[in-house]
Amino acid sequence: MQVKISNAETTHNLKVKGTVPLNEDDQIKYNERRYVYVILDKSASTAVYPSLKISQKLTMKITEIDVESQDDLGSYEEEYSQL
């Protein structure tokens, strides 16, 4: 799973330095939550509570599995965007 951040908008001089993704072997099963963290550099900011507005896109590989036989039925890429 990958999160791509673009269009970072701030008036507080925050900079996106990177993300801390899930481990490559981690899986997210249906209806589960996992977290990806965004690393921000606020060294140039003088604001007490700086803010940042971002656009993000989540790209994941979906693998369908037969519940009874545990056979892999195929995979496909899926993307979700949120402002």
N, C-alpha and C. Protein backbone atom coordinates (compact mmCIF):
# COMPACT_ATOMS: atom_id res chain seq x y z
N MET A 1 0.84 -1.16 0.00
CA MET A 1 0.00 0.00 0.00
C MET A 1 0.89 1.22 0.00
N GLN A 2 0.43 2.24 -0.71
CA GLN A 2 1.21 3.44 -0.89
C GLN A 2 0.31 4.66 -0.75
N VAL A 3 0.79 5.69 -0.11
CA VAL A 3 0.07 6.96 -0.03
C VAL A 3 0.94 8.01 -0.70
N LYS A 4 0.35 8.71 -1.66
CA LYS A 4 1.06 9.79 -2.35
C LYS A 4 0.41 11.09 -1.94
N ILE A 5 1.24 12.06 -1.52
CA ILE A 5 0.73 13.35 -1.07
C ILE A 5 1.14 14.40 -2.09
N SER A 6 0.16 15.20 -2.50
CA SER A 6 0.46 16.28 -3.44
C SER A 6 -0.35 17.50 -3.03
N ASN A 7 -0.03 18.62 -3.63
CA ASN A 7 -0.76 19.87 -3.38
C ASN A 7 -0.80 20.23 -1.90
N ALA A 8 0.34 20.17 -1.23
CA ALA A 8 0.40 20.58 0.17
C ALA A 8 0.30 22.10 0.24
N GLU A 9 -0.70 22.59 0.95
CA GLU A 9 -0.93 24.03 1.07
C GLU A 9 -0.81 24.45 2.53
N THR A 10 0.07 25.40 2.80
CA THR A 10 0.23 25.90 4.16
C THR A 10 0.68 27.35 4.12
N THR A 11 0.28 28.09 5.13
CA THR A 11 0.79 29.45 5.29
C THR A 11 1.77 29.49 6.46
N HIS A 12 2.14 28.31 6.96
CA HIS A 12 2.99 28.22 8.14
C HIS A 12 4.37 27.61 7.84
N ASN A 13 4.75 27.54 6.59
CA ASN A 13 6.07 27.03 6.17
C ASN A 13 6.32 25.58 6.56
N LEU A 14 5.28 24.75 6.58
CA LEU A 14 5.47 23.32 6.81
C LEU A 14 5.87 22.65 5.50
N LYS A 15 6.71 21.67 5.59
CA LYS A 15 7.15 20.91 4.41
C LYS A 15 6.92 19.43 4.65
N VAL A 16 6.37 18.74 3.64
CA VAL A 16 6.21 17.29 3.71
C VAL A 16 7.57 16.67 3.41
N LYS A 17 8.08 15.89 4.38
CA LYS A 17 9.40 15.26 4.22
C LYS A 17 9.28 13.81 3.78
N GLY A 18 8.14 13.16 4.01
CA GLY A 18 7.98 11.77 3.62
C GLY A 18 6.82 11.12 4.35
N THR A 19 6.73 9.81 4.20
CA THR A 19 5.70 9.03 4.89
C THR A 19 6.32 7.80 5.52
N VAL A 20 5.67 7.29 6.53
CA VAL A 20 6.06 6.01 7.14
C VAL A 20 4.97 5.02 6.73
N PRO A 21 5.25 4.19 5.73
CA PRO A 21 4.22 3.28 5.22
C PRO A 21 4.08 2.03 6.07
N LEU A 22 3.11 1.23 5.72
CA LEU A 22 3.00 -0.10 6.31
C LEU A 22 4.20 -0.93 5.85
N ASN A 23 4.54 -1.96 6.60
CA ASN A 23 5.55 -2.89 6.14
C ASN A 23 5.07 -3.57 4.88
N GLU A 24 5.99 -3.95 4.02
CA GLU A 24 5.62 -4.56 2.74
C GLU A 24 4.78 -5.82 2.92
N ASP A 25 5.02 -6.57 3.97
CA ASP A 25 4.29 -7.82 4.19
C ASP A 25 2.96 -7.64 4.92
N ASP A 26 2.68 -6.44 5.43
CA ASP A 26 1.42 -6.20 6.13
C ASP A 26 0.26 -6.25 5.15
N GLN A 27 -0.84 -6.78 5.61
CA GLN A 27 -2.05 -6.85 4.80
C GLN A 27 -3.17 -6.15 5.55
N ILE A 28 -4.08 -5.56 4.79
CA ILE A 28 -5.28 -4.97 5.37
C ILE A 28 -6.44 -5.81 4.87
N LYS A 29 -7.11 -6.46 5.79
CA LYS A 29 -8.27 -7.26 5.41
C LYS A 29 -9.51 -6.38 5.42
N TYR A 30 -10.54 -6.86 4.78
CA TYR A 30 -11.77 -6.11 4.65
C TYR A 30 -12.25 -5.59 6.01
N ASN A 31 -12.57 -4.31 6.05
CA ASN A 31 -13.12 -3.64 7.23
C ASN A 31 -12.11 -3.46 8.36
N GLU A 32 -10.82 -3.57 8.07
CA GLU A 32 -9.77 -3.31 9.07
C GLU A 32 -9.16 -1.93 8.80
N ARG A 33 -8.56 -1.37 9.82
CA ARG A 33 -7.86 -0.09 9.70
C ARG A 33 -6.38 -0.27 9.96
N ARG A 34 -5.59 0.43 9.21
CA ARG A 34 -4.15 0.53 9.44
C ARG A 34 -3.79 2.00 9.21
N TYR A 35 -2.67 2.42 9.74
CA TYR A 35 -2.30 3.82 9.66
C TYR A 35 -0.98 4.00 8.91
N VAL A 36 -0.93 5.08 8.15
CA VAL A 36 0.28 5.53 7.47
C VAL A 36 0.53 6.94 8.00
N TYR A 37 1.76 7.21 8.39
CA TYR A 37 2.09 8.50 9.00
C TYR A 37 2.80 9.41 8.01
N VAL A 38 2.51 10.70 8.10
CA VAL A 38 3.14 11.71 7.27
C VAL A 38 4.17 12.45 8.12
N ILE A 39 5.37 12.61 7.59
CA ILE A 39 6.45 13.31 8.30
C ILE A 39 6.49 14.75 7.80
N LEU A 40 6.34 15.69 8.73
CA LEU A 40 6.36 17.11 8.39
C LEU A 40 7.55 17.79 9.03
N ASP A 41 8.14 18.73 8.31
CA ASP A 41 9.23 19.55 8.85
C ASP A 41 8.64 20.91 9.20
N LYS A 42 8.68 21.26 10.48
CA LYS A 42 8.15 22.56 10.91
C LYS A 42 9.24 23.50 11.39
N SER A 43 10.50 23.20 11.04
CA SER A 43 11.61 24.01 11.53
C SER A 43 11.54 25.46 11.04
N ALA A 44 10.91 25.72 9.90
CA ALA A 44 10.80 27.09 9.39
C ALA A 44 9.53 27.79 9.85
N SER A 45 8.71 27.11 10.64
CA SER A 45 7.44 27.67 11.09
C SER A 45 7.59 28.34 12.45
N THR A 46 6.91 29.47 12.60
CA THR A 46 6.89 30.16 13.89
C THR A 46 5.52 30.04 14.55
N ALA A 47 4.59 29.39 13.88
CA ALA A 47 3.23 29.24 14.42
C ALA A 47 3.23 28.22 15.56
N VAL A 48 2.44 28.48 16.59
CA VAL A 48 2.32 27.55 17.72
C VAL A 48 1.65 26.26 17.27
N TYR A 49 0.58 26.38 16.49
CA TYR A 49 -0.14 25.22 15.95
C TYR A 49 -0.23 25.35 14.43
N PRO A 50 0.86 25.04 13.73
CA PRO A 50 0.82 25.17 12.28
C PRO A 50 -0.12 24.15 11.65
N SER A 51 -0.69 24.51 10.52
CA SER A 51 -1.61 23.59 9.84
C SER A 51 -1.17 23.40 8.39
N LEU A 52 -1.65 22.31 7.82
CA LEU A 52 -1.30 21.95 6.45
C LEU A 52 -2.51 21.28 5.82
N LYS A 53 -2.89 21.70 4.63
CA LYS A 53 -3.96 21.06 3.89
C LYS A 53 -3.32 20.26 2.76
N ILE A 54 -3.69 18.98 2.66
CA ILE A 54 -3.09 18.12 1.65
C ILE A 54 -4.15 17.40 0.83
N SER A 55 -3.77 17.03 -0.38
CA SER A 55 -4.56 16.12 -1.19
C SER A 55 -3.80 14.80 -1.16
N GLN A 56 -4.52 13.71 -1.10
CA GLN A 56 -3.85 12.42 -0.98
C GLN A 56 -4.50 11.40 -1.90
N LYS A 57 -3.71 10.40 -2.27
CA LYS A 57 -4.23 9.32 -3.08
C LYS A 57 -3.70 8.01 -2.51
N LEU A 58 -4.59 7.10 -2.23
CA LEU A 58 -4.24 5.80 -1.69
C LEU A 58 -4.31 4.79 -2.83
N THR A 59 -3.22 4.08 -3.06
CA THR A 59 -3.17 3.05 -4.09
C THR A 59 -2.96 1.72 -3.41
N MET A 60 -3.84 0.77 -3.72
CA MET A 60 -3.69 -0.54 -3.10
C MET A 60 -3.95 -1.64 -4.12
N LYS A 61 -3.37 -2.80 -3.83
CA LYS A 61 -3.59 -3.98 -4.65
C LYS A 61 -4.64 -4.83 -3.95
N ILE A 62 -5.75 -5.08 -4.63
CA ILE A 62 -6.85 -5.88 -4.09
C ILE A 62 -6.68 -7.31 -4.61
N THR A 63 -6.68 -8.27 -3.71
CA THR A 63 -6.59 -9.68 -4.09
C THR A 63 -7.84 -10.39 -3.59
N GLU A 64 -8.56 -10.99 -4.52
CA GLU A 64 -9.77 -11.74 -4.17
C GLU A 64 -9.39 -13.19 -3.89
N ILE A 65 -9.93 -13.74 -2.78
CA ILE A 65 -9.61 -15.10 -2.35
C ILE A 65 -10.91 -15.86 -2.11
N ASP A 66 -10.98 -17.07 -2.61
CA ASP A 66 -12.13 -17.94 -2.36
C ASP A 66 -12.08 -18.36 -0.89
N VAL A 67 -13.15 -18.07 -0.16
CA VAL A 67 -13.19 -18.33 1.28
C VAL A 67 -13.04 -19.81 1.60
N GLU A 68 -13.65 -20.65 0.82
CA GLU A 68 -13.62 -22.09 1.11
C GLU A 68 -12.31 -22.75 0.72
N SER A 69 -11.82 -22.47 -0.46
CA SER A 69 -10.61 -23.16 -0.94
C SER A 69 -9.32 -22.38 -0.68
N GLN A 70 -9.45 -21.10 -0.33
CA GLN A 70 -8.30 -20.21 -0.13
C GLN A 70 -7.52 -19.98 -1.42
N ASP A 71 -8.15 -20.26 -2.58
CA ASP A 71 -7.51 -20.02 -3.88
C ASP A 71 -7.52 -18.53 -4.20
N ASP A 72 -6.45 -18.07 -4.81
CA ASP A 72 -6.35 -16.69 -5.26
C ASP A 72 -7.17 -16.56 -6.55
N LEU A 73 -8.17 -15.68 -6.55
CA LEU A 73 -9.04 -15.51 -7.71
C LEU A 73 -8.61 -14.38 -8.63
N GLY A 74 -7.55 -13.70 -8.25
CA GLY A 74 -7.04 -12.60 -9.09
C GLY A 74 -6.82 -11.34 -8.28
N SER A 75 -6.05 -10.43 -8.87
CA SER A 75 -5.71 -9.17 -8.20
C SER A 75 -5.91 -8.02 -9.17
N TYR A 76 -6.11 -6.83 -8.61
CA TYR A 76 -6.20 -5.62 -9.40
C TYR A 76 -5.82 -4.42 -8.54
N GLU A 77 -5.40 -3.34 -9.19
CA GLU A 77 -5.04 -2.11 -8.49
C GLU A 77 -6.28 -1.25 -8.32
N GLU A 78 -6.36 -0.56 -7.19
CA GLU A 78 -7.47 0.33 -6.94
C GLU A 78 -6.92 1.60 -6.28
N GLU A 79 -7.51 2.75 -6.63
CA GLU A 79 -7.06 4.02 -6.08
C GLU A 79 -8.23 4.76 -5.42
N TYR A 80 -7.91 5.47 -4.34
CA TYR A 80 -8.89 6.30 -3.64
C TYR A 80 -8.26 7.67 -3.47
N SER A 81 -9.00 8.71 -3.80
CA SER A 81 -8.52 10.07 -3.62
C SER A 81 -9.41 10.79 -2.64
N GLN A 82 -8.81 11.69 -1.86
CA GLN A 82 -9.58 12.47 -0.91
C GLN A 82 -8.90 13.82 -0.76
N LEU A 83 -9.70 14.86 -0.72
CA LEU A 83 -9.17 16.20 -0.51
C LEU A 83 -9.30 16.60 0.92
